[in-house]
């Protein structure tokens, strides 16, 4: 029987994955083989981007995306 927690060959996107629960979730997906998309919302100080970069360093070939998922136009881009 296949391992239901094997995400090899799959892409995981967790909104707000630059810190907190979101960061831990995206790292868990990465540890299970997923290609990970680290999502953050840019702030004037650049802290969210820095936090996202720190999370991304712990992943294999991550993609970092600046997107406010509450804005449909940004999501469509």
PDB file of N, CA and C in Angstrom:
ATOM      1  N   UNK A   1       0.834  -1.181   0.000  1.00  0.00           N
ATOM      2  CA  UNK A   1       0.000   0.000   0.000  1.00  0.00           C
ATOM      3  C   UNK A   1       0.882   1.249   0.000  1.00  0.00           C
ATOM      4  N   UNK A   2       0.503   2.226  -0.801  1.00  0.00           N
ATOM      5  CA  UNK A   2       1.266   3.470  -0.913  1.00  0.00           C
ATOM      6  C   UNK A   2       1.164   4.285   0.371  1.00  0.00           C
ATOM      7  N   UNK A   3       2.236   4.990   0.666  1.00  0.00           N
ATOM      8  CA  UNK A   3       2.267   5.862   1.837  1.00  0.00           C
ATOM      9  C   UNK A   3       1.416   7.100   1.559  1.00  0.00           C
ATOM     10  N   UNK A   4       0.320   7.309   2.291  1.00  0.00           N
ATOM     11  CA  UNK A   4      -0.544   8.469   2.030  1.00  0.00           C
ATOM     12  C   UNK A   4       0.124   9.807   2.363  1.00  0.00           C
ATOM     13  N   UNK A   5       1.243   9.764   3.063  1.00  0.00           N
ATOM     14  CA  UNK A   5       1.951  10.996   3.414  1.00  0.00           C
ATOM     15  C   UNK A   5       3.181  11.226   2.543  1.00  0.00           C
ATOM     16  N   UNK A   6       3.284  10.483   1.435  1.00  0.00           N
ATOM     17  CA  UNK A   6       4.377  10.690   0.481  1.00  0.00           C
ATOM     18  C   UNK A   6       3.900  11.694  -0.563  1.00  0.00           C
ATOM     19  N   UNK A   7       4.506  12.871  -0.561  1.00  0.00           N
ATOM     20  CA  UNK A   7       4.105  13.935  -1.480  1.00  0.00           C
ATOM     21  C   UNK A   7       5.094  14.111  -2.628  1.00  0.00           C
ATOM     22  N   UNK A   8       5.918  13.098  -2.866  1.00  0.00           N
ATOM     23  CA  UNK A   8       6.872  13.142  -3.968  1.00  0.00           C
ATOM     24  C   UNK A   8       6.122  13.356  -5.280  1.00  0.00           C
ATOM     25  N   UNK A   9       6.613  14.309  -6.082  1.00  0.00           N
ATOM     26  CA  UNK A   9       5.975  14.599  -7.361  1.00  0.00           C
ATOM     27  C   UNK A   9       4.780  15.527  -7.268  1.00  0.00           C
ATOM     28  N   UNK A  10       4.494  16.017  -6.074  1.00  0.00           N
ATOM     29  CA  UNK A  10       3.359  16.927  -5.883  1.00  0.00           C
ATOM     30  C   UNK A  10       3.877  18.309  -5.491  1.00  0.00           C
ATOM     31  N   UNK A  11       3.040  19.307  -5.697  1.00  0.00           N
ATOM     32  CA  UNK A  11       3.372  20.681  -5.321  1.00  0.00           C
ATOM     33  C   UNK A  11       2.491  21.077  -4.144  1.00  0.00           C
ATOM     34  N   UNK A  12       3.116  21.643  -3.115  1.00  0.00           N
ATOM     35  CA  UNK A  12       2.375  22.111  -1.940  1.00  0.00           C
ATOM     36  C   UNK A  12       2.490  23.631  -1.846  1.00  0.00           C
ATOM     37  N   UNK A  13       1.346  24.284  -1.733  1.00  0.00           N
ATOM     38  CA  UNK A  13       1.281  25.730  -1.517  1.00  0.00           C
ATOM     39  C   UNK A  13       0.537  25.959  -0.214  1.00  0.00           C
ATOM     40  N   UNK A  14       1.199  26.612   0.717  1.00  0.00           N
ATOM     41  CA  UNK A  14       0.576  26.957   1.993  1.00  0.00           C
ATOM     42  C   UNK A  14       0.595  28.473   2.088  1.00  0.00           C
ATOM     43  N   UNK A  15      -0.580  29.080   2.162  1.00  0.00           N
ATOM     44  CA  UNK A  15      -0.635  30.538   2.278  1.00  0.00           C
ATOM     45  C   UNK A  15      -0.105  30.951   3.650  1.00  0.00           C
ATOM     46  N   UNK A  16       0.583  32.074   3.669  1.00  0.00           N
ATOM     47  CA  UNK A  16       1.142  32.552   4.932  1.00  0.00           C
ATOM     48  C   UNK A  16       2.227  31.641   5.474  1.00  0.00           C
ATOM     49  N   UNK A  17       3.004  31.045   4.573  1.00  0.00           N
ATOM     50  CA  UNK A  17       3.997  30.064   5.018  1.00  0.00           C
ATOM     51  C   UNK A  17       5.348  30.681   5.369  1.00  0.00           C
ATOM     52  N   UNK A  18       5.383  31.984   5.579  1.00  0.00           N
ATOM     53  CA  UNK A  18       6.647  32.622   5.943  1.00  0.00           C
ATOM     54  C   UNK A  18       6.953  32.520   7.433  1.00  0.00           C
ATOM     55  N   UNK A  19       5.946  32.161   8.233  1.00  0.00           N
ATOM     56  CA  UNK A  19       6.190  32.020   9.671  1.00  0.00           C
ATOM     57  C   UNK A  19       5.062  31.243  10.346  1.00  0.00           C
ATOM     58  N   UNK A  20       5.256  30.926  11.593  1.00  0.00           N
ATOM     59  CA  UNK A  20       4.226  30.276  12.399  1.00  0.00           C
ATOM     60  C   UNK A  20       3.791  28.911  11.891  1.00  0.00           C
ATOM     61  N   UNK A  21       2.505  28.638  12.039  1.00  0.00           N
ATOM     62  CA  UNK A  21       1.949  27.344  11.636  1.00  0.00           C
ATOM     63  C   UNK A  21       2.165  27.100  10.149  1.00  0.00           C
ATOM     64  N   UNK A  22       1.997  28.135   9.336  1.00  0.00           N
ATOM     65  CA  UNK A  22       2.196  27.986   7.896  1.00  0.00           C
ATOM     66  C   UNK A  22       3.605  27.535   7.556  1.00  0.00           C
ATOM     67  N   UNK A  23       4.603  28.106   8.227  1.00  0.00           N
ATOM     68  CA  UNK A  23       5.999  27.726   7.991  1.00  0.00           C
ATOM     69  C   UNK A  23       6.229  26.271   8.372  1.00  0.00           C
ATOM     70  N   UNK A  24       5.685  25.864   9.495  1.00  0.00           N
ATOM     71  CA  UNK A  24       5.861  24.475   9.927  1.00  0.00           C
ATOM     72  C   UNK A  24       5.148  23.509   8.980  1.00  0.00           C
ATOM     73  N   UNK A  25       3.994  23.916   8.479  1.00  0.00           N
ATOM     74  CA  UNK A  25       3.265  23.055   7.537  1.00  0.00           C
ATOM     75  C   UNK A  25       4.038  22.876   6.240  1.00  0.00           C
ATOM     76  N   UNK A  26       4.562  23.971   5.668  1.00  0.00           N
ATOM     77  CA  UNK A  26       5.265  23.857   4.392  1.00  0.00           C
ATOM     78  C   UNK A  26       6.544  23.042   4.567  1.00  0.00           C
ATOM     79  N   UNK A  27       7.213  23.169   5.712  1.00  0.00           N
ATOM     80  CA  UNK A  27       8.407  22.355   5.965  1.00  0.00           C
ATOM     81  C   UNK A  27       8.042  20.878   6.082  1.00  0.00           C
ATOM     82  N   UNK A  28       6.900  20.588   6.694  1.00  0.00           N
ATOM     83  CA  UNK A  28       6.457  19.191   6.798  1.00  0.00           C
ATOM     84  C   UNK A  28       6.180  18.607   5.418  1.00  0.00           C
ATOM     85  N   UNK A  29       5.526  19.382   4.554  1.00  0.00           N
ATOM     86  CA  UNK A  29       5.297  18.909   3.185  1.00  0.00           C
ATOM     87  C   UNK A  29       6.633  18.669   2.482  1.00  0.00           C
ATOM     88  N   UNK A  30       7.575  19.588   2.658  1.00  0.00           N
ATOM     89  CA  UNK A  30       8.888  19.428   2.041  1.00  0.00           C
ATOM     90  C   UNK A  30       9.611  18.189   2.538  1.00  0.00           C
ATOM     91  N   UNK A  31       9.513  17.925   3.832  1.00  0.00           N
ATOM     92  CA  UNK A  31      10.135  16.728   4.402  1.00  0.00           C
ATOM     93  C   UNK A  31       9.513  15.449   3.861  1.00  0.00           C
ATOM     94  N   UNK A  32       8.298  15.555   3.343  1.00  0.00           N
ATOM     95  CA  UNK A  32       7.594  14.399   2.775  1.00  0.00           C
ATOM     96  C   UNK A  32       7.702  14.353   1.255  1.00  0.00           C
ATOM     97  N   UNK A  33       8.611  15.158   0.678  1.00  0.00           N
ATOM     98  CA  UNK A  33       8.905  15.050  -0.741  1.00  0.00           C
ATOM     99  C   UNK A  33       8.250  16.052  -1.662  1.00  0.00           C
ATOM    100  N   UNK A  34       7.408  16.921  -1.148  1.00  0.00           N
ATOM    101  CA  UNK A  34       6.708  17.884  -2.008  1.00  0.00           C
ATOM    102  C   UNK A  34       7.643  18.979  -2.505  1.00  0.00           C
ATOM    103  N   UNK A  35       7.345  19.484  -3.681  1.00  0.00           N
ATOM    104  CA  UNK A  35       7.943  20.720  -4.154  1.00  0.00           C
ATOM    105  C   UNK A  35       7.131  21.832  -3.498  1.00  0.00           C
ATOM    106  N   UNK A  36       7.800  22.741  -2.807  1.00  0.00           N
ATOM    107  CA  UNK A  36       7.082  23.695  -1.965  1.00  0.00           C
ATOM    108  C   UNK A  36       7.068  25.115  -2.515  1.00  0.00           C
ATOM    109  N   UNK A  37       5.917  25.759  -2.336  1.00  0.00           N
ATOM    110  CA  UNK A  37       5.735  27.161  -2.675  1.00  0.00           C
ATOM    111  C   UNK A  37       5.539  27.910  -1.357  1.00  0.00           C
ATOM    112  N   UNK A  38       6.493  28.782  -1.047  1.00  0.00           N
ATOM    113  CA  UNK A  38       6.422  29.580   0.175  1.00  0.00           C
ATOM    114  C   UNK A  38       5.751  30.899  -0.186  1.00  0.00           C
ATOM    115  N   UNK A  39       4.593  31.136   0.403  1.00  0.00           N
ATOM    116  CA  UNK A  39       3.808  32.339   0.124  1.00  0.00           C
ATOM    117  C   UNK A  39       3.990  33.346   1.252  1.00  0.00           C
ATOM    118  N   UNK A  40       4.162  34.601   0.861  1.00  0.00           N
ATOM    119  CA  UNK A  40       4.232  35.684   1.838  1.00  0.00           C
ATOM    120  C   UNK A  40       3.589  36.923   1.231  1.00  0.00           C
ATOM    121  N   UNK A  41       3.227  37.861   2.072  1.00  0.00           N
ATOM    122  CA  UNK A  41       2.653  39.134   1.654  1.00  0.00           C
ATOM    123  C   UNK A  41       3.670  40.214   2.007  1.00  0.00           C
ATOM    124  N   UNK A  42       4.162  40.929   0.999  1.00  0.00           N
ATOM    125  CA  UNK A  42       5.206  41.931   1.222  1.00  0.00           C
ATOM    126  C   UNK A  42       4.736  43.026   2.176  1.00  0.00           C
ATOM    127  N   UNK A  43       5.597  43.352   3.104  1.00  0.00           N
ATOM    128  CA  UNK A  43       5.343  44.443   4.037  1.00  0.00           C
ATOM    129  C   UNK A  43       6.416  45.515   3.817  1.00  0.00           C
ATOM    130  N   UNK A  44       6.153  46.752   4.224  1.00  0.00           N
ATOM    131  CA  UNK A  44       7.101  47.849   3.967  1.00  0.00           C
ATOM    132  C   UNK A  44       8.506  47.609   4.535  1.00  0.00           C
ATOM    133  N   UNK A  45       8.611  46.908   5.631  1.00  0.00           N
ATOM    134  CA  UNK A  45       9.913  46.659   6.248  1.00  0.00           C
ATOM    135  C   UNK A  45      10.657  45.485   5.608  1.00  0.00           C
ATOM    136  N   UNK A  46       9.974  44.686   4.816  1.00  0.00           N
ATOM    137  CA  UNK A  46      10.603  43.529   4.185  1.00  0.00           C
ATOM    138  C   UNK A  46      10.754  42.326   5.096  1.00  0.00           C
ATOM    139  N   UNK A  47      10.141  42.382   6.268  1.00  0.00           N
ATOM    140  CA  UNK A  47      10.284  41.287   7.235  1.00  0.00           C
ATOM    141  C   UNK A  47       9.646  39.993   6.736  1.00  0.00           C
ATOM    142  N   UNK A  48       8.469  40.087   6.115  1.00  0.00           N
ATOM    143  CA  UNK A  48       7.807  38.870   5.633  1.00  0.00           C
ATOM    144  C   UNK A  48       8.645  38.165   4.574  1.00  0.00           C
ATOM    145  N   UNK A  49       9.264  38.944   3.681  1.00  0.00           N
ATOM    146  CA  UNK A  49      10.123  38.351   2.649  1.00  0.00           C
ATOM    147  C   UNK A  49      11.344  37.688   3.290  1.00  0.00           C
ATOM    148  N   UNK A  50      11.929  38.344   4.286  1.00  0.00           N
ATOM    149  CA  UNK A  50      13.082  37.772   4.987  1.00  0.00           C
ATOM    150  C   UNK A  50      12.692  36.482   5.699  1.00  0.00           C
ATOM    151  N   UNK A  51      11.529  36.485   6.344  1.00  0.00           N
ATOM    152  CA  UNK A  51      11.050  35.275   7.017  1.00  0.00           C
ATOM    153  C   UNK A  51      10.817  34.154   6.012  1.00  0.00           C
ATOM    154  N   UNK A  52      10.218  34.498   4.864  1.00  0.00           N
ATOM    155  CA  UNK A  52       9.965  33.497   3.823  1.00  0.00           C
ATOM    156  C   UNK A  52      11.278  32.920   3.301  1.00  0.00           C
ATOM    157  N   UNK A  53      12.285  33.768   3.132  1.00  0.00           N
ATOM    158  CA  UNK A  53      13.591  33.299   2.660  1.00  0.00           C
ATOM    159  C   UNK A  53      14.224  32.338   3.661  1.00  0.00           C
ATOM    160  N   UNK A  54      14.054  32.618   4.946  1.00  0.00           N
ATOM    161  CA  UNK A  54      14.578  31.712   5.972  1.00  0.00           C
ATOM    162  C   UNK A  54      13.904  30.350   5.906  1.00  0.00           C
ATOM    163  N   UNK A  55      12.606  30.337   5.690  1.00  0.00           N
ATOM    164  CA  UNK A  55      11.879  29.070   5.551  1.00  0.00           C
ATOM    165  C   UNK A  55      12.342  28.355   4.283  1.00  0.00           C
ATOM    166  N   UNK A  56      12.461  29.104   3.191  1.00  0.00           N
ATOM    167  CA  UNK A  56      12.845  28.515   1.903  1.00  0.00           C
ATOM    168  C   UNK A  56      14.216  27.857   1.966  1.00  0.00           C
ATOM    169  N   UNK A  57      15.123  28.394   2.763  1.00  0.00           N
ATOM    170  CA  UNK A  57      16.466  27.813   2.896  1.00  0.00           C
ATOM    171  C   UNK A  57      16.425  26.383   3.424  1.00  0.00           C
ATOM    172  N   UNK A  58      15.366  26.039   4.126  1.00  0.00           N
ATOM    173  CA  UNK A  58      15.247  24.698   4.695  1.00  0.00           C
ATOM    174  C   UNK A  58      14.599  23.705   3.733  1.00  0.00           C
ATOM    175  N   UNK A  59      14.238  24.167   2.536  1.00  0.00           N
ATOM    176  CA  UNK A  59      13.524  23.333   1.577  1.00  0.00           C
ATOM    177  C   UNK A  59      14.380  23.065   0.347  1.00  0.00           C
ATOM    178  N   UNK A  60      14.031  22.007  -0.372  1.00  0.00           N
ATOM    179  CA  UNK A  60      14.738  21.666  -1.605  1.00  0.00           C
ATOM    180  C   UNK A  60      14.027  22.330  -2.781  1.00  0.00           C
ATOM    181  N   UNK A  61      14.735  23.208  -3.488  1.00  0.00           N
ATOM    182  CA  UNK A  61      14.220  23.889  -4.681  1.00  0.00           C
ATOM    183  C   UNK A  61      12.852  24.538  -4.478  1.00  0.00           C
ATOM    184  N   UNK A  62      12.698  25.382  -3.450  1.00  0.00           N
ATOM    185  CA  UNK A  62      11.402  26.026  -3.220  1.00  0.00           C
ATOM    186  C   UNK A  62      11.150  27.175  -4.190  1.00  0.00           C
ATOM    187  N   UNK A  63       9.910  27.558  -4.284  1.00  0.00           N
ATOM    188  CA  UNK A  63       9.502  28.749  -5.021  1.00  0.00           C
ATOM    189  C   UNK A  63       8.919  29.707  -3.991  1.00  0.00           C
ATOM    190  N   UNK A  64       9.372  30.964  -3.994  1.00  0.00           N
ATOM    191  CA  UNK A  64       8.816  31.977  -3.093  1.00  0.00           C
ATOM    192  C   UNK A  64       7.917  32.896  -3.898  1.00  0.00           C
ATOM    193  N   UNK A  65       6.707  33.122  -3.393  1.00  0.00           N
ATOM    194  CA  UNK A  65       5.756  33.974  -4.097  1.00  0.00           C
ATOM    195  C   UNK A  65       5.201  35.039  -3.156  1.00  0.00           C
ATOM    196  N   UNK A  66       5.312  36.296  -3.604  1.00  0.00           N
ATOM    197  CA  UNK A  66       4.715  37.430  -2.898  1.00  0.00           C
ATOM    198  C   UNK A  66       3.302  37.593  -3.443  1.00  0.00           C
ATOM    199  N   UNK A  67       2.310  37.282  -2.632  1.00  0.00           N
ATOM    200  CA  UNK A  67       0.920  37.366  -3.083  1.00  0.00           C
ATOM    201  C   UNK A  67      -0.004  37.545  -1.888  1.00  0.00           C
ATOM    202  N   UNK A  68      -0.856  38.544  -1.971  1.00  0.00           N
ATOM    203  CA  UNK A  68      -1.912  38.739  -0.982  1.00  0.00           C
ATOM    204  C   UNK A  68      -3.109  37.935  -1.478  1.00  0.00           C
ATOM    205  N   UNK A  69      -3.334  36.774  -0.883  1.00  0.00           N
ATOM    206  CA  UNK A  69      -4.381  35.870  -1.377  1.00  0.00           C
ATOM    207  C   UNK A  69      -5.792  36.397  -1.143  1.00  0.00           C
ATOM    208  N   UNK A  70      -5.921  37.525  -0.442  1.00  0.00           N
ATOM    209  CA  UNK A  70      -7.247  38.135  -0.294  1.00  0.00           C
ATOM    210  C   UNK A  70      -7.582  39.012  -1.495  1.00  0.00           C
ATOM    211  N   UNK A  71      -6.618  39.181  -2.410  1.00  0.00           N
ATOM    212  CA  UNK A  71      -6.803  40.012  -3.603  1.00  0.00           C
ATOM    213  C   UNK A  71      -6.877  39.120  -4.846  1.00  0.00           C
ATOM    214  N   UNK A  72      -8.074  38.902  -5.403  1.00  0.00           N
ATOM    215  CA  UNK A  72      -8.225  38.010  -6.560  1.00  0.00           C
ATOM    216  C   UNK A  72      -7.293  38.333  -7.726  1.00  0.00           C
ATOM    217  N   UNK A  73      -7.048  39.599  -7.995  1.00  0.00           N
ATOM    218  CA  UNK A  73      -6.173  39.963  -9.117  1.00  0.00           C
ATOM    219  C   UNK A  73      -4.748  39.448  -8.899  1.00  0.00           C
ATOM    220  N   UNK A  74      -4.260  39.508  -7.666  1.00  0.00           N
ATOM    221  CA  UNK A  74      -2.923  38.993  -7.380  1.00  0.00           C
ATOM    222  C   UNK A  74      -2.877  37.476  -7.520  1.00  0.00           C
ATOM    223  N   UNK A  75      -3.920  36.817  -7.089  1.00  0.00           N
ATOM    224  CA  UNK A  75      -3.969  35.352  -7.191  1.00  0.00           C
ATOM    225  C   UNK A  75      -3.964  34.924  -8.652  1.00  0.00           C
ATOM    226  N   UNK A  76      -4.677  35.645  -9.497  1.00  0.00           N
ATOM    227  CA  UNK A  76      -4.752  35.308 -10.922  1.00  0.00           C
ATOM    228  C   UNK A  76      -3.415  35.470 -11.624  1.00  0.00           C
ATOM    229  N   UNK A  77      -2.569  36.383 -11.135  1.00  0.00           N
ATOM    230  CA  UNK A  77      -1.256  36.586 -11.750  1.00  0.00           C
ATOM    231  C   UNK A  77      -0.439  35.357 -11.550  1.00  0.00           C
TER     232      UNK A  77
END
